[in-house]
Amino acid sequence: MTTSRSNRNIMAGGAPLAILTIAGPFVAGALGYSPSMGFLVGLGLGVAIALLVWLAGSR
């Protein structure tokens, strides 16, 4: 049986990154914008949230 030396909760920001990257083109298309623009905006927001989660988790 393995035991963990650290009892810290580890937070990951991969889920918002993936969800926003996939949802961005659909939302942009529904709003009448270019899906490629939605992809880039979703990717940017996902990266920003992932960085915030990573920075908050390192404290």
N, C-alpha and C. Protein backbone atom coordinates (compact mmCIF):
# COMPACT_ATOMS: atom_id res chain seq x y z
N MET A 1 0.84 -1.17 0.00
CA MET A 1 0.00 0.00 0.00
C MET A 1 0.88 1.23 0.00
N THR A 2 0.56 2.18 -0.83
CA THR A 2 1.38 3.39 -0.89
C THR A 2 0.77 4.47 -0.02
N THR A 3 1.61 5.22 0.60
CA THR A 3 1.14 6.36 1.39
C THR A 3 1.75 7.62 0.84
N SER A 4 0.99 8.66 0.92
CA SER A 4 1.44 9.95 0.41
C SER A 4 2.13 10.72 1.52
N ARG A 5 3.26 11.29 1.21
CA ARG A 5 3.97 12.10 2.19
C ARG A 5 3.36 13.48 2.33
N SER A 6 2.67 13.91 1.30
CA SER A 6 2.07 15.24 1.31
C SER A 6 0.56 15.11 1.29
N ASN A 7 -0.09 15.85 2.15
CA ASN A 7 -1.55 15.83 2.19
C ASN A 7 -2.15 17.04 1.49
N ARG A 8 -1.37 17.72 0.64
CA ARG A 8 -1.88 18.89 -0.08
C ARG A 8 -2.92 18.47 -1.10
N ASN A 9 -3.88 19.34 -1.30
CA ASN A 9 -4.82 19.16 -2.39
C ASN A 9 -4.20 19.74 -3.64
N ILE A 10 -4.16 18.95 -4.68
CA ILE A 10 -3.57 19.40 -5.94
C ILE A 10 -4.69 19.83 -6.88
N MET A 11 -4.60 21.06 -7.34
CA MET A 11 -5.61 21.59 -8.26
C MET A 11 -5.02 21.60 -9.68
N ALA A 12 -5.86 21.26 -10.65
CA ALA A 12 -5.40 21.25 -12.03
C ALA A 12 -6.31 22.15 -12.87
N GLY A 13 -5.72 22.84 -13.80
CA GLY A 13 -6.48 23.76 -14.64
C GLY A 13 -6.71 23.24 -16.03
N GLY A 14 -6.52 21.96 -16.25
CA GLY A 14 -6.68 21.40 -17.59
C GLY A 14 -8.12 21.35 -18.07
N ALA A 15 -9.04 21.15 -17.15
CA ALA A 15 -10.46 21.04 -17.55
C ALA A 15 -10.98 22.35 -18.13
N PRO A 16 -10.78 23.51 -17.45
CA PRO A 16 -11.24 24.75 -18.07
C PRO A 16 -10.56 25.02 -19.41
N LEU A 17 -9.30 24.67 -19.50
CA LEU A 17 -8.57 24.87 -20.76
C LEU A 17 -9.22 24.07 -21.88
N ALA A 18 -9.50 22.80 -21.64
CA ALA A 18 -10.11 21.96 -22.67
C ALA A 18 -11.54 22.39 -22.99
N ILE A 19 -12.33 22.66 -21.95
CA ILE A 19 -13.74 23.01 -22.17
C ILE A 19 -13.87 24.32 -22.94
N LEU A 20 -13.11 25.34 -22.54
CA LEU A 20 -13.22 26.63 -23.22
C LEU A 20 -12.68 26.57 -24.65
N THR A 21 -11.63 25.76 -24.87
CA THR A 21 -11.08 25.63 -26.22
C THR A 21 -12.08 24.96 -27.15
N ILE A 22 -12.81 23.97 -26.63
CA ILE A 22 -13.80 23.27 -27.45
C ILE A 22 -15.08 24.09 -27.61
N ALA A 23 -15.50 24.76 -26.55
CA ALA A 23 -16.76 25.50 -26.59
C ALA A 23 -16.64 26.83 -27.34
N GLY A 24 -15.44 27.39 -27.40
CA GLY A 24 -15.24 28.69 -28.03
C GLY A 24 -15.78 28.80 -29.45
N PRO A 25 -15.45 27.87 -30.34
CA PRO A 25 -15.98 27.97 -31.71
C PRO A 25 -17.50 27.86 -31.80
N PHE A 26 -18.10 27.04 -30.93
CA PHE A 26 -19.56 26.90 -30.95
C PHE A 26 -20.24 28.18 -30.48
N VAL A 27 -19.72 28.77 -29.42
CA VAL A 27 -20.29 30.01 -28.90
C VAL A 27 -20.12 31.14 -29.91
N ALA A 28 -18.93 31.22 -30.50
CA ALA A 28 -18.68 32.27 -31.49
C ALA A 28 -19.59 32.10 -32.71
N GLY A 29 -19.76 30.86 -33.17
CA GLY A 29 -20.64 30.61 -34.30
C GLY A 29 -22.08 30.96 -33.99
N ALA A 30 -22.52 30.66 -32.78
CA ALA A 30 -23.90 30.98 -32.39
C ALA A 30 -24.12 32.49 -32.30
N LEU A 31 -23.06 33.22 -31.97
CA LEU A 31 -23.17 34.68 -31.86
C LEU A 31 -22.91 35.39 -33.19
N GLY A 32 -22.60 34.62 -34.24
CA GLY A 32 -22.39 35.20 -35.56
C GLY A 32 -20.95 35.60 -35.86
N TYR A 33 -20.03 35.20 -35.02
CA TYR A 33 -18.61 35.50 -35.24
C TYR A 33 -17.92 34.29 -35.88
N SER A 34 -16.70 34.50 -36.27
CA SER A 34 -15.91 33.44 -36.88
C SER A 34 -15.55 32.38 -35.83
N PRO A 35 -15.76 31.10 -36.15
CA PRO A 35 -15.40 30.05 -35.21
C PRO A 35 -13.91 30.03 -34.86
N SER A 36 -13.06 30.43 -35.81
CA SER A 36 -11.62 30.45 -35.50
C SER A 36 -11.30 31.52 -34.46
N MET A 37 -12.05 32.62 -34.49
CA MET A 37 -11.89 33.66 -33.48
C MET A 37 -12.35 33.12 -32.11
N GLY A 38 -13.43 32.37 -32.11
CA GLY A 38 -13.91 31.76 -30.87
C GLY A 38 -12.93 30.77 -30.31
N PHE A 39 -12.26 30.03 -31.21
CA PHE A 39 -11.24 29.09 -30.76
C PHE A 39 -10.11 29.82 -30.05
N LEU A 40 -9.65 30.91 -30.65
CA LEU A 40 -8.54 31.67 -30.07
C LEU A 40 -8.94 32.32 -28.75
N VAL A 41 -10.14 32.87 -28.69
CA VAL A 41 -10.61 33.50 -27.44
C VAL A 41 -10.79 32.44 -26.36
N GLY A 42 -11.39 31.30 -26.72
CA GLY A 42 -11.56 30.22 -25.75
C GLY A 42 -10.22 29.68 -25.26
N LEU A 43 -9.28 29.54 -26.16
CA LEU A 43 -7.94 29.08 -25.77
C LEU A 43 -7.27 30.08 -24.85
N GLY A 44 -7.38 31.36 -25.17
CA GLY A 44 -6.78 32.39 -24.32
C GLY A 44 -7.39 32.43 -22.93
N LEU A 45 -8.72 32.36 -22.87
CA LEU A 45 -9.38 32.34 -21.56
C LEU A 45 -9.03 31.07 -20.78
N GLY A 46 -8.96 29.96 -21.47
CA GLY A 46 -8.59 28.71 -20.81
C GLY A 46 -7.18 28.74 -20.24
N VAL A 47 -6.26 29.30 -21.00
CA VAL A 47 -4.88 29.43 -20.51
C VAL A 47 -4.83 30.37 -19.31
N ALA A 48 -5.57 31.47 -19.37
CA ALA A 48 -5.59 32.42 -18.26
C ALA A 48 -6.14 31.77 -16.99
N ILE A 49 -7.22 31.03 -17.12
CA ILE A 49 -7.80 30.36 -15.94
C ILE A 49 -6.86 29.27 -15.43
N ALA A 50 -6.23 28.52 -16.34
CA ALA A 50 -5.29 27.49 -15.91
C ALA A 50 -4.11 28.10 -15.15
N LEU A 51 -3.63 29.25 -15.61
CA LEU A 51 -2.54 29.92 -14.91
C LEU A 51 -2.98 30.41 -13.54
N LEU A 52 -4.20 30.95 -13.44
CA LEU A 52 -4.70 31.40 -12.15
C LEU A 52 -4.86 30.24 -11.17
N VAL A 53 -5.36 29.11 -11.66
CA VAL A 53 -5.51 27.93 -10.80
C VAL A 53 -4.14 27.44 -10.36
N TRP A 54 -3.17 27.45 -11.27
CA TRP A 54 -1.82 26.99 -10.95
C TRP A 54 -1.16 27.92 -9.91
N LEU A 55 -1.34 29.21 -10.10
CA LEU A 55 -0.76 30.16 -9.15
C LEU A 55 -1.43 30.09 -7.79
N ALA A 56 -2.75 29.89 -7.77
CA ALA A 56 -3.47 29.77 -6.50
C ALA A 56 -3.12 28.47 -5.79
N GLY A 57 -2.85 27.43 -6.56
CA GLY A 57 -2.52 26.13 -5.96
C GLY A 57 -1.11 26.06 -5.43
N SER A 58 -0.23 26.96 -5.86
CA SER A 58 1.16 26.88 -5.41
C SER A 58 1.37 27.56 -4.06
N ARG A 59 0.34 28.19 -3.54
CA ARG A 59 0.47 28.86 -2.24
C ARG A 59 0.28 27.91 -1.11
